[in-house]
Amino acid sequence: MMWRHRFRGRTRRARPAGTVPLAALRPGERAEVVAFDVSSPRRLQRLSTLGLVPGVELVLRQIFPAYVVGLGETELALDCGRADEILVRRLGPARPIGGARWRRGRAGRG
């Protein structure tokens, strides 16, 4: 059972343990979507249509002027309000795309 409390004039559910809002991440951090704190079913349906469902892994790419998250090969731009509604569990720093290794020096030199 989730306890409800008042926050900024609307009723919100208590957060699951170990989760933070997407807006609390730093650029480059990986996270797993755990839950949503949305006030309407339409908004929840919209987020799931975009691919944001519990269990999906994402990478926060940027935070200004909008929050940009990478979901596999897809990138989504979210405003601050939507970023606060997505609850995630931190997984650590971003991994290189496609399993490539980070290289030092100029391109073409190993």
N, C-alpha and C. Protein backbone atom coordinates (compact mmCIF):
# COMPACT_ATOMS: atom_id res chain seq x y z
N MET A 1 0.84 -1.18 0.00
CA MET A 1 0.00 0.00 0.00
C MET A 1 0.88 1.24 0.00
N MET A 2 0.59 2.15 -0.88
CA MET A 2 1.34 3.39 -0.98
C MET A 2 0.65 4.47 -0.16
N TRP A 3 1.43 5.15 0.65
CA TRP A 3 0.91 6.28 1.41
C TRP A 3 0.91 7.51 0.54
N ARG A 4 -0.09 8.33 0.68
CA ARG A 4 -0.20 9.55 -0.10
C ARG A 4 0.04 10.76 0.78
N HIS A 5 0.65 11.77 0.23
CA HIS A 5 0.85 13.02 0.95
C HIS A 5 0.72 14.18 -0.02
N ARG A 6 0.53 15.36 0.52
CA ARG A 6 0.35 16.55 -0.31
C ARG A 6 1.70 17.15 -0.67
N PHE A 7 1.87 17.51 -1.93
CA PHE A 7 3.11 18.12 -2.38
C PHE A 7 2.79 19.10 -3.49
N ARG A 8 3.10 20.35 -3.29
CA ARG A 8 2.84 21.41 -4.27
C ARG A 8 1.38 21.45 -4.72
N GLY A 9 0.48 21.22 -3.78
CA GLY A 9 -0.93 21.37 -4.09
C GLY A 9 -1.59 20.18 -4.75
N ARG A 10 -0.87 19.07 -4.94
CA ARG A 10 -1.53 17.90 -5.51
C ARG A 10 -1.10 16.65 -4.73
N THR A 11 -1.90 15.63 -4.82
CA THR A 11 -1.61 14.40 -4.10
C THR A 11 -0.60 13.58 -4.87
N ARG A 12 0.45 13.11 -4.17
CA ARG A 12 1.48 12.30 -4.80
C ARG A 12 1.71 11.05 -3.97
N ARG A 13 2.14 9.99 -4.62
CA ARG A 13 2.46 8.77 -3.91
C ARG A 13 3.87 8.83 -3.35
N ALA A 14 4.08 8.05 -2.28
CA ALA A 14 5.43 7.94 -1.73
C ALA A 14 6.31 7.21 -2.74
N ARG A 15 7.56 7.62 -2.84
CA ARG A 15 8.51 7.04 -3.79
C ARG A 15 8.98 5.66 -3.35
N PRO A 16 9.13 4.70 -4.28
CA PRO A 16 9.73 3.42 -3.91
C PRO A 16 11.17 3.64 -3.43
N ALA A 17 11.63 2.80 -2.50
CA ALA A 17 12.97 2.94 -1.93
C ALA A 17 14.04 2.80 -3.00
N GLY A 18 15.08 3.63 -2.91
CA GLY A 18 16.21 3.55 -3.83
C GLY A 18 15.98 4.20 -5.17
N THR A 19 14.90 4.96 -5.32
CA THR A 19 14.62 5.62 -6.60
C THR A 19 14.78 7.13 -6.46
N VAL A 20 15.07 7.75 -7.58
CA VAL A 20 15.17 9.21 -7.66
C VAL A 20 14.44 9.65 -8.93
N PRO A 21 13.99 10.91 -8.99
CA PRO A 21 13.41 11.40 -10.23
C PRO A 21 14.49 11.48 -11.32
N LEU A 22 14.08 11.35 -12.56
CA LEU A 22 15.01 11.46 -13.68
C LEU A 22 15.74 12.80 -13.64
N ALA A 23 15.08 13.83 -13.16
CA ALA A 23 15.68 15.17 -13.10
C ALA A 23 16.86 15.24 -12.14
N ALA A 24 17.03 14.24 -11.25
CA ALA A 24 18.13 14.25 -10.29
C ALA A 24 19.41 13.65 -10.85
N LEU A 25 19.35 13.05 -12.04
CA LEU A 25 20.54 12.46 -12.64
C LEU A 25 21.44 13.53 -13.25
N ARG A 26 22.68 13.17 -13.48
CA ARG A 26 23.63 14.04 -14.18
C ARG A 26 23.80 13.53 -15.60
N PRO A 27 24.15 14.39 -16.53
CA PRO A 27 24.37 13.93 -17.91
C PRO A 27 25.43 12.82 -17.94
N GLY A 28 25.13 11.78 -18.70
CA GLY A 28 26.04 10.64 -18.82
C GLY A 28 25.71 9.49 -17.91
N GLU A 29 24.80 9.67 -16.95
CA GLU A 29 24.44 8.59 -16.03
C GLU A 29 23.43 7.65 -16.67
N ARG A 30 23.59 6.35 -16.37
CA ARG A 30 22.63 5.33 -16.80
C ARG A 30 21.64 5.09 -15.66
N ALA A 31 20.42 4.73 -16.02
CA ALA A 31 19.41 4.44 -15.02
C ALA A 31 18.37 3.48 -15.59
N GLU A 32 17.64 2.84 -14.69
CA GLU A 32 16.55 1.95 -15.08
C GLU A 32 15.24 2.58 -14.62
N VAL A 33 14.25 2.63 -15.49
CA VAL A 33 12.95 3.18 -15.14
C VAL A 33 12.27 2.20 -14.17
N VAL A 34 11.79 2.73 -13.04
CA VAL A 34 11.16 1.90 -12.01
C VAL A 34 9.66 2.16 -11.93
N ALA A 35 9.27 3.42 -11.89
CA ALA A 35 7.86 3.76 -11.72
C ALA A 35 7.61 5.17 -12.27
N PHE A 36 6.33 5.55 -12.24
CA PHE A 36 5.92 6.88 -12.69
C PHE A 36 5.07 7.52 -11.62
N ASP A 37 5.20 8.83 -11.46
CA ASP A 37 4.39 9.59 -10.51
C ASP A 37 3.56 10.58 -11.31
N VAL A 38 2.61 10.05 -12.07
CA VAL A 38 1.80 10.90 -12.95
C VAL A 38 0.40 11.05 -12.38
N SER A 39 -0.25 12.15 -12.73
CA SER A 39 -1.57 12.43 -12.20
C SER A 39 -2.70 11.97 -13.11
N SER A 40 -2.40 11.66 -14.38
CA SER A 40 -3.48 11.25 -15.28
C SER A 40 -3.09 10.00 -16.07
N PRO A 41 -4.05 9.15 -16.37
CA PRO A 41 -3.78 7.95 -17.16
C PRO A 41 -3.32 8.28 -18.58
N ARG A 42 -3.78 9.39 -19.13
CA ARG A 42 -3.36 9.78 -20.49
C ARG A 42 -1.87 10.07 -20.55
N ARG A 43 -1.35 10.73 -19.51
CA ARG A 43 0.07 11.04 -19.47
C ARG A 43 0.90 9.76 -19.35
N LEU A 44 0.42 8.81 -18.54
CA LEU A 44 1.10 7.52 -18.40
C LEU A 44 1.09 6.76 -19.73
N GLN A 45 -0.02 6.80 -20.44
CA GLN A 45 -0.11 6.15 -21.75
C GLN A 45 0.85 6.81 -22.74
N ARG A 46 0.96 8.12 -22.69
CA ARG A 46 1.86 8.85 -23.60
C ARG A 46 3.32 8.45 -23.35
N LEU A 47 3.71 8.38 -22.08
CA LEU A 47 5.09 7.98 -21.75
C LEU A 47 5.38 6.55 -22.20
N SER A 48 4.43 5.65 -22.02
CA SER A 48 4.65 4.27 -22.44
C SER A 48 4.68 4.15 -23.96
N THR A 49 3.92 4.98 -24.66
CA THR A 49 3.96 4.98 -26.12
C THR A 49 5.34 5.42 -26.64
N LEU A 50 5.99 6.31 -25.90
CA LEU A 50 7.31 6.78 -26.28
C LEU A 50 8.41 5.77 -25.94
N GLY A 51 8.06 4.69 -25.24
CA GLY A 51 9.04 3.66 -24.91
C GLY A 51 9.52 3.71 -23.48
N LEU A 52 9.00 4.63 -22.68
CA LEU A 52 9.38 4.71 -21.27
C LEU A 52 8.46 3.81 -20.45
N VAL A 53 8.90 2.60 -20.22
CA VAL A 53 8.15 1.62 -19.43
C VAL A 53 9.06 1.10 -18.33
N PRO A 54 8.49 0.63 -17.22
CA PRO A 54 9.34 0.09 -16.15
C PRO A 54 10.24 -1.04 -16.65
N GLY A 55 11.51 -0.97 -16.26
CA GLY A 55 12.48 -1.98 -16.65
C GLY A 55 13.40 -1.56 -17.78
N VAL A 56 13.06 -0.51 -18.52
CA VAL A 56 13.89 -0.08 -19.64
C VAL A 56 15.09 0.72 -19.11
N GLU A 57 16.23 0.53 -19.74
CA GLU A 57 17.45 1.25 -19.35
C GLU A 57 17.60 2.48 -20.23
N LEU A 58 18.01 3.58 -19.62
CA LEU A 58 18.19 4.83 -20.36
C LEU A 58 19.47 5.52 -19.94
N VAL A 59 19.90 6.46 -20.78
CA VAL A 59 21.07 7.29 -20.49
C VAL A 59 20.65 8.75 -20.61
N LEU A 60 20.94 9.55 -19.60
CA LEU A 60 20.63 10.98 -19.67
C LEU A 60 21.73 11.66 -20.48
N ARG A 61 21.37 12.25 -21.61
CA ARG A 61 22.34 12.87 -22.51
C ARG A 61 22.60 14.34 -22.16
N GLN A 62 21.53 15.10 -21.87
CA GLN A 62 21.69 16.53 -21.53
C GLN A 62 20.54 16.95 -20.64
N ILE A 63 20.74 18.10 -19.93
CA ILE A 63 19.69 18.59 -19.04
C ILE A 63 19.22 19.99 -19.40
N PHE A 64 19.92 20.69 -20.28
CA PHE A 64 19.50 22.04 -20.65
C PHE A 64 19.62 22.21 -22.15
N PRO A 65 18.67 22.76 -22.82
CA PRO A 65 17.43 23.40 -22.38
C PRO A 65 16.31 22.42 -22.08
N ALA A 66 16.46 21.16 -22.46
CA ALA A 66 15.48 20.12 -22.14
C ALA A 66 16.25 18.87 -21.71
N TYR A 67 15.58 18.00 -20.98
CA TYR A 67 16.18 16.72 -20.62
C TYR A 67 16.11 15.81 -21.83
N VAL A 68 17.26 15.33 -22.28
CA VAL A 68 17.32 14.42 -23.42
C VAL A 68 17.81 13.08 -22.92
N VAL A 69 17.01 12.03 -23.15
CA VAL A 69 17.36 10.69 -22.71
C VAL A 69 17.52 9.79 -23.93
N GLY A 70 18.45 8.86 -23.84
CA GLY A 70 18.65 7.88 -24.89
C GLY A 70 18.10 6.54 -24.44
N LEU A 71 17.23 5.95 -25.27
CA LEU A 71 16.66 4.63 -25.03
C LEU A 71 17.07 3.75 -26.20
N GLY A 72 18.16 3.06 -26.09
CA GLY A 72 18.65 2.28 -27.22
C GLY A 72 19.05 3.22 -28.35
N GLU A 73 18.38 3.10 -29.49
CA GLU A 73 18.67 3.95 -30.65
C GLU A 73 17.76 5.18 -30.71
N THR A 74 16.90 5.37 -29.71
CA THR A 74 15.95 6.47 -29.69
C THR A 74 16.39 7.53 -28.69
N GLU A 75 16.21 8.80 -29.04
CA GLU A 75 16.45 9.89 -28.11
C GLU A 75 15.16 10.69 -27.93
N LEU A 76 14.82 10.97 -26.68
CA LEU A 76 13.61 11.71 -26.36
C LEU A 76 13.96 12.99 -25.61
N ALA A 77 13.27 14.07 -25.92
CA ALA A 77 13.42 15.33 -25.20
C ALA A 77 12.21 15.49 -24.28
N LEU A 78 12.46 15.75 -23.01
CA LEU A 78 11.41 15.89 -22.01
C LEU A 78 11.55 17.22 -21.28
N ASP A 79 10.43 17.84 -20.92
CA ASP A 79 10.52 19.07 -20.12
C ASP A 79 10.74 18.70 -18.65
N CYS A 80 10.99 19.69 -17.84
CA CYS A 80 11.32 19.47 -16.44
C CYS A 80 10.20 18.76 -15.68
N GLY A 81 8.96 19.11 -15.98
CA GLY A 81 7.82 18.47 -15.31
C GLY A 81 7.74 16.99 -15.56
N ARG A 82 8.00 16.59 -16.81
CA ARG A 82 7.97 15.16 -17.16
C ARG A 82 9.16 14.43 -16.55
N ALA A 83 10.31 15.09 -16.48
CA ALA A 83 11.51 14.47 -15.89
C ALA A 83 11.31 14.21 -14.40
N ASP A 84 10.53 15.06 -13.72
CA ASP A 84 10.24 14.85 -12.30
C ASP A 84 9.27 13.69 -12.07
N GLU A 85 8.47 13.36 -13.06
CA GLU A 85 7.46 12.30 -12.91
C GLU A 85 8.01 10.90 -13.16
N ILE A 86 9.19 10.78 -13.74
CA ILE A 86 9.78 9.48 -14.05
C ILE A 86 10.74 9.11 -12.93
N LEU A 87 10.46 8.01 -12.24
CA LEU A 87 11.30 7.55 -11.14
C LEU A 87 12.24 6.46 -11.64
N VAL A 88 13.52 6.62 -11.35
CA VAL A 88 14.54 5.71 -11.88
C VAL A 88 15.46 5.23 -10.76
N ARG A 89 16.18 4.14 -11.04
CA ARG A 89 17.22 3.62 -10.16
C ARG A 89 18.54 3.81 -10.88
N ARG A 90 19.50 4.46 -10.24
CA ARG A 90 20.81 4.72 -10.86
C ARG A 90 21.55 3.42 -11.11
N LEU A 91 22.22 3.34 -12.29
CA LEU A 91 23.01 2.17 -12.66
C LEU A 91 24.48 2.50 -12.83
N GLY A 92 24.85 3.76 -12.92
CA GLY A 92 26.25 4.14 -13.06
C GLY A 92 26.48 4.98 -14.30
N PRO A 93 27.76 5.15 -14.67
CA PRO A 93 28.09 5.97 -15.86
C PRO A 93 27.68 5.26 -17.15
N ALA A 94 27.59 6.05 -18.21
CA ALA A 94 27.17 5.52 -19.51
C ALA A 94 28.23 4.59 -20.07
N ARG A 95 27.77 3.59 -20.83
CA ARG A 95 28.67 2.68 -21.54
C ARG A 95 28.84 3.18 -22.96
N PRO A 96 29.95 2.86 -23.60
CA PRO A 96 30.11 3.25 -25.00
C PRO A 96 29.03 2.63 -25.88
N ILE A 97 28.59 3.33 -26.90
CA ILE A 97 27.55 2.84 -27.80
C ILE A 97 28.10 1.73 -28.68
N GLY A 98 27.34 0.66 -28.85
CA GLY A 98 27.73 -0.42 -29.75
C GLY A 98 28.84 -1.29 -29.22
N GLY A 99 29.15 -1.22 -27.93
CA GLY A 99 30.18 -2.06 -27.35
C GLY A 99 31.59 -1.63 -27.70
N ALA A 100 31.74 -0.49 -28.39
CA ALA A 100 33.08 -0.01 -28.75
C ALA A 100 33.84 0.40 -27.50
N ARG A 101 35.14 0.37 -27.57
CA ARG A 101 35.96 0.78 -26.44
C ARG A 101 36.38 2.22 -26.62
N TRP A 102 36.48 2.92 -25.48
CA TRP A 102 36.96 4.30 -25.53
C TRP A 102 38.43 4.28 -25.89
N ARG A 103 38.84 5.18 -26.76
CA ARG A 103 40.23 5.24 -27.18
C ARG A 103 40.84 6.57 -26.84
N ARG A 104 42.12 6.55 -26.60
CA ARG A 104 42.83 7.78 -26.36
C ARG A 104 43.58 8.18 -27.63
N GLY A 105 43.85 9.44 -27.77
CA GLY A 105 44.62 9.90 -28.92
C GLY A 105 43.74 10.18 -30.13
N ARG A 106 44.39 10.33 -31.26
CA ARG A 106 43.66 10.66 -32.49
C ARG A 106 42.94 9.44 -33.06
N ALA A 107 41.93 9.72 -33.88
CA ALA A 107 41.18 8.65 -34.53
C ALA A 107 42.11 7.85 -35.45
N GLY A 108 41.90 6.57 -35.49
CA GLY A 108 42.71 5.74 -36.38
C GLY A 108 43.95 5.19 -35.72
N ARG A 109 44.27 5.69 -34.55
CA ARG A 109 45.45 5.18 -33.84
C ARG A 109 44.97 4.43 -32.61
N GLY A 110 45.40 3.24 -32.41
CA GLY A 110 44.96 2.38 -31.32
C GLY A 110 45.62 2.64 -30.06
